[in-house]
């Protein structure tokens, strides 16, 4: 029942803020629009806590207003929302599937988001490079959030990290901040069901990109996946029952 209430409230909230942010996007600059987007993100976190009993715990130091590239684990539809609430004025790289939602494409373009083709290939590389050039021209650097896997993954699994995060960090001359999470235990991918528990967003020590792309990506993936598995093990008993150790009880929202 709590999952049902949350989903109705979440999509209603999302529709309301889509309209509000589309209007705010008409205002020159992105400052007011970003305030609107962060307000939406914070409101969603309140819903998660009050309706579903999902507590967000931050470990490490969110790189607010810092010129870094954030390479984060992607387990849940809620990942970007949580990161936007915790990282201040963050830019983000997202797939073009986001454009299918009414008004969202307009809002994303106005806030400077870097939109990549989910099919990859030359089109994705071209849009990534355009985003890098645009980021270089911003007056005040801000964190750029990218999900190196490129797709949502189930808890306990991972995909090969793509090289876009490395190219962006090298071109912008920024460190990569790895981010691990277990949010998928409470809000699995895009699924309807939500589960009570603690979701940790863990900001790890930055990686200074070298000239060795493969080595840097391997280190990033190892750090993110290893820490994510540890978080999943730490909170499995009170999260998604499909990921709880045998014999241990769970609390389901």
Protein backbone atom coordinates (compact mmCIF):
# COMPACT_ATOMS: atom_id res chain seq x y z
CA UNK A 1 0.00 0.00 0.00
CA UNK A 2 2.81 2.44 0.82
CA UNK A 3 4.41 1.79 -2.56
CA UNK A 4 1.09 2.59 -4.24
CA UNK A 5 0.70 5.83 -2.29
CA UNK A 6 4.28 6.84 -2.99
CA UNK A 7 4.07 6.22 -6.72
CA UNK A 8 0.85 8.21 -7.08
CA UNK A 9 2.35 11.07 -5.04
CA UNK A 10 5.71 10.88 -6.86
CA UNK A 11 4.29 11.04 -10.37
CA UNK A 12 1.86 13.78 -9.37
CA UNK A 13 4.76 15.75 -7.89
CA UNK A 14 6.85 15.11 -10.99
CA UNK A 15 4.08 16.38 -13.28
CA UNK A 16 3.60 19.49 -11.17
CA UNK A 17 7.32 20.30 -11.13
CA UNK A 18 7.65 19.57 -14.86
CA UNK A 19 5.22 22.40 -15.50
CA UNK A 20 6.83 24.71 -12.93
CA UNK A 21 10.36 24.07 -14.22
CA UNK A 22 9.27 24.49 -17.84
CA UNK A 23 8.06 27.96 -16.89
CA UNK A 24 11.24 28.69 -14.91
CA UNK A 25 13.25 27.64 -17.97
CA UNK A 26 11.91 30.72 -19.76
CA UNK A 27 13.91 32.91 -17.36
CA UNK A 28 17.38 33.79 -18.78
CA UNK A 29 20.23 31.87 -17.17
CA UNK A 30 19.85 28.64 -15.26
CA UNK A 31 20.06 29.78 -11.62
CA UNK A 32 16.33 29.96 -10.97
CA UNK A 33 15.67 26.77 -12.93
CA UNK A 34 18.26 24.85 -10.93
CA UNK A 35 16.64 26.03 -7.70
CA UNK A 36 13.38 24.59 -9.00
CA UNK A 37 14.97 21.25 -9.89
CA UNK A 38 16.67 20.94 -6.50
CA UNK A 39 13.37 21.78 -4.80
CA UNK A 40 11.79 18.89 -6.71
CA UNK A 41 14.62 16.56 -5.70
CA UNK A 42 14.37 17.50 -2.02
CA UNK A 43 10.57 17.08 -2.07
CA UNK A 44 10.98 13.59 -3.53
CA UNK A 45 13.42 12.63 -0.76
CA UNK A 46 10.86 13.77 1.80
CA UNK A 47 8.25 11.54 0.14
CA UNK A 48 10.67 8.62 0.16
CA UNK A 49 11.26 9.02 3.89
CA UNK A 50 7.71 9.76 5.06
CA UNK A 51 5.76 7.40 2.81
CA UNK A 52 8.17 4.51 2.17
CA UNK A 53 10.50 4.74 5.14
CA UNK A 54 13.54 5.12 2.87
CA UNK A 55 16.28 7.00 4.69
CA UNK A 56 19.09 8.55 2.63
CA UNK A 57 22.50 8.49 4.32
CA UNK A 58 25.43 10.37 2.81
CA UNK A 59 28.97 9.17 3.44
CA UNK A 60 32.05 11.00 2.31
CA UNK A 61 31.86 14.60 1.11
CA UNK A 62 29.52 15.63 -1.71
CA UNK A 63 31.53 17.79 -4.15
CA UNK A 64 29.24 20.81 -4.11
CA UNK A 65 30.35 23.60 -6.45
CA UNK A 66 33.60 21.75 -7.22
CA UNK A 67 35.03 21.18 -10.71
CA UNK A 68 34.91 17.38 -10.71
CA UNK A 69 33.38 14.59 -12.77
CA UNK A 70 31.19 12.31 -10.66
CA UNK A 71 31.23 8.67 -11.81
CA UNK A 72 28.33 7.03 -10.00
CA UNK A 73 26.69 3.62 -9.66
CA UNK A 74 23.27 3.43 -11.33
CA UNK A 75 20.78 1.05 -9.71
CA UNK A 76 17.62 3.10 -9.47
CA UNK A 77 15.39 5.66 -11.13
CA UNK A 78 15.93 7.65 -7.93
CA UNK A 79 19.73 7.90 -8.31
CA UNK A 80 19.73 11.19 -10.21
CA UNK A 81 17.14 12.69 -7.89
CA UNK A 82 19.20 11.91 -4.80
CA UNK A 83 22.40 13.20 -6.39
CA UNK A 84 20.71 16.44 -7.45
CA UNK A 85 19.48 16.95 -3.89
CA UNK A 86 22.92 16.33 -2.37
CA UNK A 87 25.38 17.86 -4.86
CA UNK A 88 24.07 21.40 -5.31
CA UNK A 89 24.37 22.96 -8.76
CA UNK A 90 25.26 19.77 -10.61
CA UNK A 91 25.25 19.22 -14.35
CA UNK A 92 24.39 15.76 -15.59
CA UNK A 93 24.84 13.46 -18.53
CA UNK A 94 21.67 11.56 -19.42
CA UNK A 95 20.31 9.34 -22.17
CA UNK A 96 17.97 10.57 -24.85
CA UNK A 97 15.21 8.33 -23.44
CA UNK A 98 14.53 11.19 -21.03
CA UNK A 99 13.22 13.25 -23.95
CA UNK A 100 10.12 11.07 -24.22
CA UNK A 101 8.65 12.71 -21.12
CA UNK A 102 6.61 15.86 -21.83
CA UNK A 103 8.45 19.14 -21.11
CA UNK A 104 11.55 17.31 -19.84
CA UNK A 105 13.60 17.79 -23.00
CA UNK A 106 13.09 21.54 -22.87
CA UNK A 107 14.04 21.69 -19.19
CA UNK A 108 17.14 19.52 -19.70
CA UNK A 109 18.40 21.68 -22.54
CA UNK A 110 17.83 24.89 -20.58
CA UNK A 111 19.77 23.63 -17.55
CA UNK A 112 22.70 22.60 -19.77
CA UNK A 113 22.37 18.84 -19.48
CA UNK A 114 24.48 16.69 -21.82
CA UNK A 115 22.10 14.36 -23.65
CA UNK A 116 23.59 11.25 -25.24
CA UNK A 117 22.14 8.71 -27.63
CA UNK A 118 21.43 5.45 -25.81
CA UNK A 119 22.52 3.62 -28.95
CA UNK A 120 26.10 4.85 -28.53
CA UNK A 121 28.33 5.21 -31.56
CA UNK A 122 29.33 8.42 -33.37
CA UNK A 123 26.20 10.34 -32.36
CA UNK A 124 26.86 9.72 -28.66
CA UNK A 125 30.52 10.70 -29.00
CA UNK A 126 29.59 13.88 -30.85
CA UNK A 127 27.06 14.95 -28.21
CA UNK A 128 29.55 14.14 -25.45
CA UNK A 129 32.21 16.34 -27.03
CA UNK A 130 29.67 19.15 -27.49
CA UNK A 131 28.84 18.85 -23.80
CA UNK A 132 32.51 19.02 -22.89
CA UNK A 133 32.96 22.21 -24.91
CA UNK A 134 29.87 23.72 -23.32
CA UNK A 135 31.09 22.79 -19.83
CA UNK A 136 34.46 24.40 -20.54
CA UNK A 137 32.67 27.63 -21.39
CA UNK A 138 30.66 27.88 -18.18
CA UNK A 139 31.66 30.82 -16.04
CA UNK A 140 31.61 28.89 -12.78
CA UNK A 141 32.62 25.24 -12.90
CA UNK A 142 30.16 22.78 -11.40
CA UNK A 143 30.23 19.02 -10.89
CA UNK A 144 29.26 16.91 -13.88
CA UNK A 145 27.37 13.71 -13.02
CA UNK A 146 27.70 10.73 -15.34
CA UNK A 147 26.72 7.08 -14.97
CA UNK A 148 29.57 5.15 -16.62
CA UNK A 149 27.53 1.96 -17.01
CA UNK A 150 25.09 3.76 -19.28
CA UNK A 151 22.15 1.68 -18.05
CA UNK A 152 20.35 0.75 -14.85
CA UNK A 153 21.67 -2.43 -13.25
CA UNK A 154 20.13 -4.81 -10.73
CA UNK A 155 21.45 -4.99 -7.19
CA UNK A 156 24.49 -7.24 -7.02
CA UNK A 157 25.37 -6.79 -10.68
CA UNK A 158 27.34 -4.38 -12.82
CA UNK A 159 28.16 -3.55 -16.41
CA UNK A 160 31.35 -2.54 -18.15
CA UNK A 161 32.15 1.12 -17.49
CA UNK A 162 32.15 3.12 -20.71
CA UNK A 163 34.96 5.51 -21.52
CA UNK A 164 32.90 8.73 -21.63
CA UNK A 165 33.63 9.49 -17.97
CA UNK A 166 37.38 9.27 -18.64
CA UNK A 167 37.26 11.42 -21.80
CA UNK A 168 35.25 14.06 -19.97
CA UNK A 169 37.61 14.14 -16.98
CA UNK A 170 40.69 14.36 -19.22
CA UNK A 171 39.23 17.08 -21.46
CA UNK A 172 38.04 19.18 -18.53
CA UNK A 173 41.20 18.43 -16.49
CA UNK A 174 39.14 17.31 -13.51
CA UNK A 175 39.39 14.44 -11.04
CA UNK A 176 36.80 11.68 -11.07
CA UNK A 177 34.82 11.21 -7.84
CA UNK A 178 33.57 7.60 -7.60
CA UNK A 179 30.16 7.14 -5.98
CA UNK A 180 28.82 3.84 -4.66
CA UNK A 181 25.25 3.19 -3.56
CA UNK A 182 22.73 0.56 -2.51
CA UNK A 183 19.65 2.62 -3.42
CA UNK A 184 18.47 -0.20 -5.68
CA UNK A 185 17.65 -2.26 -2.59
CA UNK A 186 15.00 0.27 -1.58
CA UNK A 187 13.96 1.59 -5.01
CA UNK A 188 14.82 -1.18 -7.51
CA UNK A 189 15.53 0.16 -10.99
CA UNK A 190 12.22 1.45 -12.39
CA UNK A 191 10.01 -0.97 -10.50
CA UNK A 192 6.72 -0.11 -8.81
CA UNK A 193 7.60 -1.66 -5.43
CA UNK A 194 9.61 0.29 -2.88
CA UNK A 195 11.20 -1.15 0.27
CA UNK A 196 11.84 0.39 3.66
CA UNK A 197 15.48 0.75 4.61
CA UNK A 198 18.62 2.86 4.50
CA UNK A 199 20.07 3.88 1.15
CA UNK A 200 23.65 5.10 1.30
CA UNK A 201 25.30 7.45 -1.18
CA UNK A 202 29.03 7.02 -0.61
CA UNK A 203 31.43 9.58 -2.13
CA UNK A 204 34.85 7.94 -2.41
CA UNK A 205 38.34 9.40 -2.77
CA UNK A 206 38.86 11.09 -6.16
CA UNK A 207 40.86 9.53 -8.98
CA UNK A 208 43.24 11.72 -10.93
CA UNK A 209 42.94 10.55 -14.54
CA UNK A 210 46.20 9.53 -16.17
CA UNK A 211 47.03 8.85 -19.78
CA UNK A 212 46.05 5.20 -19.31
CA UNK A 213 42.33 5.05 -20.04
CA UNK A 214 41.86 1.34 -19.40
CA UNK A 215 43.71 1.43 -16.07
CA UNK A 216 41.74 4.45 -14.85
CA UNK A 217 38.40 2.91 -15.84
CA UNK A 218 39.34 -0.37 -14.19
CA UNK A 219 40.22 1.43 -10.95
CA UNK A 220 36.97 3.44 -11.05
CA UNK A 221 34.86 0.36 -11.68
CA UNK A 222 36.62 -1.66 -8.99
CA UNK A 223 36.12 1.04 -6.37
CA UNK A 224 32.47 1.66 -7.23
CA UNK A 225 31.45 -1.98 -7.53
CA UNK A 226 33.39 -3.18 -4.48
CA UNK A 227 31.93 -0.50 -2.25
CA UNK A 228 28.41 -0.98 -3.66
CA UNK A 229 28.57 -4.72 -2.88
CA UNK A 230 29.68 -3.88 0.67
CA UNK A 231 26.75 -1.49 1.13
CA UNK A 232 24.31 -4.06 -0.23
CA UNK A 233 25.61 -6.62 2.27
CA UNK A 234 25.47 -4.10 5.12
CA UNK A 235 21.80 -3.24 4.59
CA UNK A 236 20.39 -6.41 3.01
CA UNK A 237 18.38 -7.53 6.09
CA UNK A 238 16.16 -4.41 6.02
CA UNK A 239 15.88 -3.88 2.29
CA UNK A 240 14.51 -5.72 -0.73
CA UNK A 241 13.64 -9.29 0.36
CA UNK A 242 15.00 -10.73 -2.88
CA UNK A 243 18.46 -9.57 -1.79
CA UNK A 244 18.29 -10.47 1.90
CA UNK A 245 20.46 -13.32 3.24
CA UNK A 246 18.62 -16.57 3.90
CA UNK A 247 16.95 -16.73 7.31
CA UNK A 248 16.91 -12.99 7.92
CA UNK A 249 13.71 -10.98 8.14
CA UNK A 250 12.88 -7.99 6.02
CA UNK A 251 10.61 -5.00 6.33
CA UNK A 252 8.78 -4.27 3.10
CA UNK A 253 7.11 -0.97 2.26
